[in-house]
Amino acid sequence: MPYTVKQVSALTGIGPDRLRAWERRYGVVSPTRSESGYRLYDDADLARLRMMVQLVETGAPASLAAEQVRASHARPEVVTGTDANAAVGASTAGGRDAPGVTLPALPPDSASPALEALVSPARSLDGGELDRLLDRAFAAGSFESVVEHWLLPALTELGEAWVDGRIDVAGEHFVSGAVQARLSQAFEAAGTALEGPVVLVGLPPGSLHALGSLSFATCLRRLGADVRWLGSDLPVDSWVHAVGRLAPAGVVLSAPTPRDAAPAVTVVRRLRELYPGLLVFVGGGAAKAEAVEGILLPHSVVQAAHEVAVKVRPAR
């Protein structure tokens, strides 16, 4: 029996806004559409949503609750590609660890802000407070250490605060814009490695969550690659044009949410069809729940950057 949004809300206690957020951000359910375009849910969707509610009400963060729901209701999958590795994690890249790469040291507790620190300026929309917070965070350690251990986890906390209704979408956009500006500054400060291998980094069409991708691009640039960050929501034909124009050593697509998986696969297949020898890497939380083609990258942005740097390095 199909259920409408209103019926699902009444049966589960989940408000329509939160239902859409859990669907869009975490991929807990994937409703069908009626002929009129209305979302329709089935009994399996209700079971997933009820489990999600139960986990969140017992104190689990929404992101971890969704991960458990997806794992409990997963369908058998076949992962294809030149490197059919295990799951991809939550930031720009996936869930397995890259061998031989040591993660940067965790900044001292006294130096780094709390992971929930971004919530306060998101509520107040206070630019001075946000600038001081980011100044303190990026002074706590190396760029890699701050991004790995504080920034990306703190952005996850911020997203959960929005899903839970503790902040408004304006606050999330306010903080995300400031963070993107800081990451862009770090990317430019890393300089252009004119003799390094060219690597294209960006997101597939329709994908808008770019902060993990830009963090990864900056880490890779700091390792000596000539990174061209192409940003979010890049059409397939634009990926094809960029590869044809620059003949890169590799391409890295970030697919951070479940809805990004299918567009990423479309890009990968098109590039492989036209450029059979091209290294195409895929990172992002989407690959955890979907069969995503490409060379799958590890969870850590630092490990992912090292893996790409090694694989695109010219043979001596």
Protein backbone atom coordinates (compact mmCIF):
# COMPACT_ATOMS: atom_id res chain seq x y z
CA MET A 1 0.00 0.00 0.00
CA PRO A 2 1.48 3.40 -0.96
CA TYR A 3 1.49 6.17 1.64
CA THR A 4 1.61 9.93 1.05
CA VAL A 5 3.87 12.32 2.95
CA LYS A 6 0.93 13.32 5.16
CA GLN A 7 0.12 9.70 5.98
CA VAL A 8 3.75 8.83 6.71
CA SER A 9 4.01 11.86 8.99
CA ALA A 10 0.90 10.77 10.91
CA LEU A 11 2.08 7.13 11.20
CA THR A 12 5.67 7.88 12.28
CA GLY A 13 5.49 11.27 13.97
CA ILE A 14 8.08 12.68 11.56
CA GLY A 15 7.28 16.17 10.29
CA PRO A 16 7.28 16.67 6.50
CA ASP A 17 10.36 18.93 6.62
CA ARG A 18 12.37 16.43 8.62
CA LEU A 19 11.15 13.59 6.39
CA ARG A 20 12.42 15.42 3.31
CA ALA A 21 15.71 16.19 5.07
CA TRP A 22 16.27 12.54 6.05
CA GLU A 23 15.44 11.50 2.51
CA ARG A 24 17.63 14.11 0.82
CA ARG A 25 20.60 14.26 3.18
CA TYR A 26 20.86 10.69 4.42
CA GLY A 27 19.06 8.56 1.83
CA VAL A 28 17.06 6.72 4.50
CA VAL A 29 14.20 6.19 2.02
CA SER A 30 13.79 6.56 -1.73
CA PRO A 31 10.08 7.08 -2.44
CA THR A 32 8.48 6.58 -5.80
CA ARG A 33 6.39 9.27 -7.51
CA SER A 34 2.73 9.27 -8.43
CA GLU A 35 1.62 10.37 -11.90
CA SER A 36 0.99 13.81 -10.38
CA GLY A 37 4.52 13.95 -8.98
CA TYR A 38 3.68 13.30 -5.30
CA ARG A 39 6.10 11.19 -3.26
CA LEU A 40 4.77 7.74 -2.30
CA TYR A 41 6.20 5.45 0.40
CA ASP A 42 5.71 1.73 1.01
CA ASP A 43 5.73 -0.49 4.11
CA ALA A 44 9.49 -1.01 3.88
CA ASP A 45 9.96 2.77 3.92
CA LEU A 46 7.79 2.99 7.04
CA ALA A 47 9.92 0.34 8.77
CA ARG A 48 13.11 2.23 7.94
CA LEU A 49 11.69 5.52 9.16
CA ARG A 50 10.40 4.03 12.40
CA MET A 51 13.83 2.55 13.08
CA MET A 52 15.40 5.93 12.35
CA VAL A 53 13.04 7.65 14.81
CA GLN A 54 13.81 5.09 17.50
CA LEU A 55 17.58 5.50 17.11
CA VAL A 56 17.46 9.30 17.10
CA GLU A 57 15.18 9.38 20.16
CA THR A 58 17.68 7.22 22.07
CA GLY A 59 20.41 9.79 21.40
CA ALA A 60 22.11 8.58 18.22
CA PRO A 61 23.27 11.35 15.84
CA ALA A 62 21.12 11.43 12.73
CA SER A 63 24.01 10.56 10.43
CA LEU A 64 24.96 7.43 12.43
CA ALA A 65 21.32 6.42 12.82
CA ALA A 66 20.84 6.64 9.06
CA GLU A 67 23.98 4.57 8.50
CA GLN A 68 22.59 1.83 10.77
CA VAL A 69 19.19 1.95 9.07
CA ARG A 70 20.74 1.61 5.62
CA ALA A 71 22.93 -1.28 6.78
CA SER A 72 19.99 -3.08 8.37
CA HIS A 73 17.87 -2.78 5.24
CA ALA A 74 20.56 -3.06 2.59
CA ARG A 75 19.91 -4.93 -0.62
CA PRO A 76 22.67 -7.16 -2.03
CA GLU A 77 24.97 -5.08 -4.21
CA VAL A 78 27.60 -5.60 -6.84
CA VAL A 79 30.34 -2.99 -6.90
CA THR A 80 32.01 -2.69 -10.24
CA GLY A 81 34.96 -0.76 -11.55
CA THR A 82 38.71 -1.00 -11.99
CA ASP A 83 39.13 -1.21 -8.22
CA ALA A 84 36.02 -2.72 -6.61
CA ASN A 85 36.81 -1.81 -3.01
CA ALA A 86 34.62 -1.66 0.07
CA ALA A 87 32.47 1.17 1.34
CA VAL A 88 33.12 4.86 0.87
CA GLY A 89 32.69 7.14 3.88
CA ALA A 90 31.22 10.49 4.72
CA SER A 91 33.39 13.31 3.51
CA THR A 92 35.00 13.41 0.10
CA ALA A 93 36.00 9.78 0.10
CA GLY A 94 35.20 6.32 1.19
CA GLY A 95 35.21 3.84 4.02
CA ARG A 96 38.34 1.70 3.73
CA ASP A 97 41.76 2.72 4.98
CA ALA A 98 44.64 3.43 2.63
CA PRO A 99 47.69 1.37 3.63
CA GLY A 100 50.98 3.08 4.39
CA VAL A 101 49.55 6.53 5.14
CA THR A 102 49.64 7.94 8.67
CA LEU A 103 46.84 10.32 9.57
CA PRO A 104 47.93 13.73 10.87
CA ALA A 105 48.09 14.09 14.63
CA LEU A 106 45.01 15.20 16.49
CA PRO A 107 45.37 18.83 17.65
CA PRO A 108 45.49 19.29 21.44
CA ASP A 109 42.07 19.46 23.09
CA SER A 110 42.88 22.92 24.39
CA ALA A 111 43.59 24.19 20.87
CA SER A 112 40.68 22.87 18.83
CA PRO A 113 37.12 24.13 19.27
CA ALA A 114 34.42 21.62 20.17
CA LEU A 115 32.85 19.75 17.26
CA GLU A 116 29.53 21.50 17.90
CA ALA A 117 31.15 24.95 17.95
CA LEU A 118 29.82 25.93 14.51
CA VAL A 119 26.23 25.70 15.76
CA SER A 120 26.48 28.89 17.84
CA PRO A 121 27.45 31.29 15.00
CA ALA A 122 24.89 29.52 12.79
CA ARG A 123 22.23 30.53 15.30
CA SER A 124 23.49 34.07 15.88
CA LEU A 125 24.61 34.82 12.29
CA ASP A 126 27.49 36.66 13.96
CA GLY A 127 30.33 37.09 11.46
CA GLY A 128 32.82 38.16 14.10
CA GLU A 129 32.14 35.09 16.21
CA LEU A 130 32.49 32.83 13.19
CA ASP A 131 35.74 34.45 12.05
CA ARG A 132 37.28 34.09 15.51
CA LEU A 133 36.21 30.47 15.69
CA LEU A 134 37.72 29.61 12.31
CA ASP A 135 40.91 31.54 13.17
CA ARG A 136 41.28 29.47 16.33
CA ALA A 137 40.51 26.21 14.54
CA PHE A 138 42.99 26.66 11.69
CA ALA A 139 45.70 27.82 14.12
CA ALA A 140 45.41 24.55 16.08
CA GLY A 141 47.47 22.44 13.70
CA SER A 142 48.34 21.70 10.09
CA PHE A 143 45.67 22.13 7.43
CA GLU A 144 45.39 18.36 7.09
CA SER A 145 45.02 17.84 10.83
CA VAL A 146 42.36 20.54 11.23
CA VAL A 147 40.32 19.33 8.25
CA GLU A 148 40.56 15.66 9.21
CA HIS A 149 39.91 15.92 12.93
CA TRP A 150 37.81 19.06 13.35
CA LEU A 151 36.39 20.77 10.27
CA LEU A 152 34.62 17.91 8.49
CA PRO A 153 33.27 16.35 11.71
CA ALA A 154 32.12 19.83 12.83
CA LEU A 155 30.29 20.33 9.53
CA THR A 156 28.55 16.99 10.10
CA GLU A 157 27.44 18.26 13.51
CA LEU A 158 26.18 21.44 11.84
CA GLY A 159 24.17 19.45 9.32
CA GLU A 160 22.61 17.39 12.07
CA ALA A 161 21.69 20.57 13.95
CA TRP A 162 19.80 21.71 10.85
CA VAL A 163 18.07 18.35 10.41
CA ASP A 164 17.05 18.38 14.08
CA GLY A 165 15.66 21.92 13.78
CA ARG A 166 18.21 23.52 16.12
CA ILE A 167 19.36 25.95 13.43
CA ASP A 168 17.72 27.50 10.38
CA VAL A 169 18.89 26.83 6.83
CA ALA A 170 20.10 30.47 6.71
CA GLY A 171 22.51 29.68 9.53
CA GLU A 172 23.84 26.59 7.78
CA HIS A 173 24.36 28.55 4.55
CA PHE A 174 26.02 31.39 6.48
CA VAL A 175 28.58 29.07 8.08
CA SER A 176 29.12 26.97 4.94
CA GLY A 177 29.85 30.09 2.91
CA ALA A 178 32.49 31.25 5.39
CA VAL A 179 34.07 27.79 5.51
CA GLN A 180 34.20 27.61 1.72
CA ALA A 181 35.94 30.99 1.66
CA ARG A 182 38.56 29.71 4.12
CA LEU A 183 39.10 26.53 2.14
CA SER A 184 39.41 28.53 -1.09
CA GLN A 185 42.10 30.66 0.55
CA ALA A 186 43.98 27.53 1.61
CA PHE A 187 43.64 26.08 -1.89
CA GLU A 188 45.11 29.23 -3.44
CA ALA A 189 47.85 29.43 -0.79
CA ALA A 190 48.98 25.90 -1.72
CA GLY A 191 50.15 27.32 -5.06
CA THR A 192 50.07 25.75 -8.51
CA ALA A 193 52.39 22.80 -9.07
CA LEU A 194 53.24 23.60 -12.67
CA GLU A 195 55.30 20.43 -13.10
CA GLY A 196 52.89 18.21 -11.20
CA PRO A 197 50.33 15.83 -12.71
CA VAL A 198 47.04 17.51 -13.64
CA VAL A 199 44.07 16.19 -11.66
CA LEU A 200 40.48 17.36 -12.09
CA VAL A 201 38.37 17.41 -8.92
CA GLY A 202 34.69 18.23 -8.61
CA LEU A 203 31.14 17.00 -8.20
CA PRO A 204 28.69 15.39 -10.64
CA PRO A 205 25.59 17.17 -11.96
CA GLY A 206 23.09 18.00 -9.23
CA SER A 207 25.60 17.54 -6.40
CA LEU A 208 25.93 20.68 -4.27
CA HIS A 209 27.77 19.67 -1.07
CA ALA A 210 31.24 20.83 -2.10
CA LEU A 211 33.17 21.40 1.16
CA GLY A 212 34.52 17.84 1.40
CA SER A 213 35.60 17.95 -2.22
CA LEU A 214 37.37 21.29 -1.80
CA SER A 215 39.09 20.03 1.38
CA PHE A 216 40.34 17.00 -0.55
CA ALA A 217 41.44 19.16 -3.50
CA THR A 218 43.50 21.35 -1.17
CA CYS A 219 45.16 18.34 0.48
CA LEU A 220 46.02 16.93 -2.96
CA ARG A 221 47.39 20.26 -4.15
CA ARG A 222 49.62 20.45 -1.07
CA LEU A 223 51.06 17.09 -2.16
CA GLY A 224 52.28 18.56 -5.44
CA ALA A 225 49.49 17.78 -7.88
CA ASP A 226 48.32 20.42 -10.33
CA VAL A 227 44.72 20.33 -9.13
CA ARG A 228 41.95 21.99 -11.11
CA TRP A 229 38.92 22.18 -8.80
CA LEU A 230 35.82 22.34 -10.99
CA GLY A 231 33.28 22.84 -8.20
CA SER A 232 29.76 21.55 -7.72
CA ASP A 233 26.95 20.54 -10.09
CA LEU A 234 29.18 20.03 -13.14
CA PRO A 235 27.30 18.68 -16.19
CA VAL A 236 28.51 15.50 -17.84
CA ASP A 237 29.42 17.32 -21.06
CA SER A 238 31.52 19.78 -19.05
CA TRP A 239 33.47 16.90 -17.50
CA VAL A 240 34.05 15.55 -20.99
CA HIS A 241 35.15 18.96 -22.26
CA ALA A 242 37.57 19.49 -19.36
CA VAL A 243 39.19 16.07 -19.84
CA GLY A 244 39.50 16.60 -23.59
CA ARG A 245 41.00 20.04 -23.06
CA LEU A 246 43.51 19.21 -20.30
CA ALA A 247 44.29 15.48 -20.77
CA PRO A 248 44.64 15.03 -16.98
CA ALA A 249 46.46 12.24 -15.21
CA GLY A 250 43.30 11.56 -13.22
CA VAL A 251 39.78 12.69 -12.35
CA VAL A 252 38.26 12.67 -8.85
CA LEU A 253 34.48 12.83 -8.40
CA SER A 254 32.93 13.42 -4.99
CA ALA A 255 29.48 11.91 -4.38
CA PRO A 256 28.70 12.92 -0.78
CA THR A 257 24.99 12.00 -0.58
CA PRO A 258 23.01 8.99 -1.84
CA ARG A 259 21.28 11.05 -4.52
CA ASP A 260 24.73 11.83 -6.02
CA ALA A 261 25.54 8.17 -6.74
CA ALA A 262 23.67 7.79 -10.04
CA PRO A 263 24.99 11.05 -11.56
CA ALA A 264 28.52 10.04 -10.53
CA VAL A 265 28.12 6.69 -12.28
CA THR A 266 26.92 8.49 -15.41
CA VAL A 267 30.02 10.70 -15.44
CA VAL A 268 32.37 7.76 -14.80
CA ARG A 269 30.87 5.67 -17.60
CA ARG A 270 30.98 8.52 -20.09
CA LEU A 271 34.60 9.34 -19.32
CA ARG A 272 35.62 5.70 -19.53
CA GLU A 273 33.84 5.30 -22.84
CA LEU A 274 35.62 8.29 -24.36
CA TYR A 275 38.96 8.00 -22.52
CA PRO A 276 39.54 4.29 -21.71
CA GLY A 277 42.93 4.76 -20.05
CA LEU A 278 41.90 7.61 -17.75
CA LEU A 279 42.13 7.07 -13.98
CA VAL A 280 38.72 7.97 -12.52
CA PHE A 281 38.42 8.03 -8.73
CA VAL A 282 35.20 8.28 -6.73
CA GLY A 283 34.79 9.30 -3.11
CA GLY A 284 31.86 10.19 -0.92
CA GLY A 285 29.24 8.73 1.37
CA ALA A 286 27.08 7.69 -1.60
CA ALA A 287 29.34 4.78 -2.42
CA LYS A 288 28.55 3.26 0.94
CA ALA A 289 25.01 2.42 -0.06
CA GLU A 290 25.23 2.33 -3.84
CA ALA A 291 27.20 0.47 -6.47
CA VAL A 292 29.46 3.26 -7.69
CA GLU A 293 31.93 2.64 -10.48
CA GLY A 294 35.45 4.01 -10.45
CA ILE A 295 38.49 3.63 -8.19
CA LEU A 296 36.93 3.99 -4.75
CA LEU A 297 38.80 6.15 -2.25
CA PRO A 298 39.22 5.78 1.51
CA HIS A 299 37.20 7.60 4.15
CA SER A 300 39.94 10.01 5.19
CA VAL A 301 40.49 13.02 2.91
CA VAL A 302 44.19 12.88 3.80
CA GLN A 303 44.52 9.20 2.95
CA ALA A 304 42.47 9.71 -0.21
CA ALA A 305 44.74 12.56 -1.33
CA HIS A 306 47.85 10.44 -0.74
CA GLU A 307 46.38 7.53 -2.70
CA VAL A 308 45.53 9.72 -5.70
CA ALA A 309 48.92 11.46 -5.55
CA VAL A 310 50.70 8.11 -5.72
CA LYS A 311 48.57 6.68 -8.54
CA VAL A 312 48.82 9.73 -10.81
CA ARG A 313 52.55 10.16 -10.28
CA PRO A 314 54.42 9.60 -13.55
CA ALA A 315 56.51 6.42 -13.69
CA ARG A 316 60.21 7.12 -13.52
